[in-house]
Amino acid sequence: MDFCKQSPEVTDLYRISGEYNYMLKVVTETTEELVAFSERTGDFGYFYTQIVLTAPFEKKMLMVEDKII
């Protein structure tokens, strides 16, 4: 977690269930920067990269009993 807090590329960190322990949202301007970031993560084990191709919407608000949260 300290690594993620200190890495400006990491914008979000999620503790998840299943095969993996964490999911990171990483934002870089180029694929070269993504490669450099991934090389710095080597001490933390294996990982998989998924790249967002499009974002039809983000930060969708949830409605609970006529209230937006």
Protein backbone atom coordinates (compact mmCIF):
# COMPACT_ATOMS: atom_id res chain seq x y z
CA MET A 1 0.00 0.00 0.00
CA ASP A 2 2.89 2.36 0.67
CA PHE A 3 4.17 1.76 -2.86
CA CYS A 4 0.77 2.70 -4.28
CA LYS A 5 0.48 5.81 -2.11
CA GLN A 6 3.89 6.98 -3.30
CA SER A 7 3.30 6.20 -7.00
CA PRO A 8 1.63 9.11 -8.80
CA GLU A 9 0.42 6.74 -11.54
CA VAL A 10 -1.88 4.95 -9.08
CA THR A 11 -5.16 6.84 -8.81
CA ASP A 12 -7.24 4.14 -7.06
CA LEU A 13 -6.50 1.03 -4.99
CA TYR A 14 -9.10 -1.66 -4.31
CA ARG A 15 -8.90 -4.70 -1.99
CA ILE A 16 -10.73 -7.41 -3.91
CA SER A 17 -11.87 -11.00 -3.45
CA GLY A 18 -10.95 -13.89 -5.68
CA GLU A 19 -7.65 -14.94 -7.19
CA TYR A 20 -5.97 -11.55 -6.66
CA ASN A 21 -5.66 -9.38 -3.57
CA TYR A 22 -5.65 -5.88 -5.06
CA MET A 23 -6.75 -4.03 -8.14
CA LEU A 24 -5.00 -0.78 -9.03
CA LYS A 25 -6.21 1.93 -11.35
CA VAL A 26 -3.09 3.29 -13.02
CA VAL A 27 -3.05 6.27 -15.37
CA THR A 28 -0.10 7.00 -17.66
CA GLU A 29 0.24 9.18 -20.73
CA THR A 30 2.15 6.60 -22.78
CA THR A 31 2.64 2.86 -22.94
CA GLU A 32 6.32 3.46 -22.19
CA GLU A 33 5.34 5.00 -18.85
CA LEU A 34 3.11 2.01 -18.16
CA VAL A 35 6.03 -0.34 -18.87
CA ALA A 36 8.28 1.68 -16.52
CA PHE A 37 5.62 1.50 -13.79
CA SER A 38 5.18 -2.26 -14.27
CA GLU A 39 8.94 -2.78 -13.97
CA ARG A 40 8.87 -1.05 -10.57
CA THR A 41 6.23 -3.49 -9.30
CA GLY A 42 8.40 -6.60 -9.73
CA ASP A 43 9.02 -7.04 -6.01
CA PHE A 44 5.30 -7.45 -5.35
CA GLY A 45 4.64 -10.56 -7.42
CA TYR A 46 2.82 -11.28 -10.65
CA PHE A 47 0.14 -9.06 -12.13
CA TYR A 48 -2.02 -8.68 -15.20
CA THR A 49 -2.63 -5.48 -17.13
CA GLN A 50 -5.96 -4.54 -18.64
CA ILE A 51 -6.29 -1.39 -20.72
CA VAL A 52 -9.50 0.64 -20.91
CA LEU A 53 -10.38 1.20 -24.56
CA THR A 54 -13.47 3.34 -23.99
CA ALA A 55 -15.43 4.64 -21.00
CA PRO A 56 -19.11 5.00 -21.91
CA PHE A 57 -19.58 6.59 -18.47
CA GLU A 58 -17.67 7.00 -15.23
CA LYS A 59 -18.56 7.92 -11.66
CA LYS A 60 -22.21 6.99 -12.06
CA MET A 61 -24.22 8.18 -9.06
CA LEU A 62 -26.25 5.65 -7.06
CA MET A 63 -29.88 6.36 -6.16
CA VAL A 64 -31.12 5.12 -2.77
CA GLU A 65 -34.66 6.04 -1.73
CA ASP A 66 -34.74 9.14 -3.94
CA LYS A 67 -31.33 10.29 -2.66
CA ILE A 68 -28.14 10.50 -4.66
CA ILE A 69 -25.09 9.09 -2.91
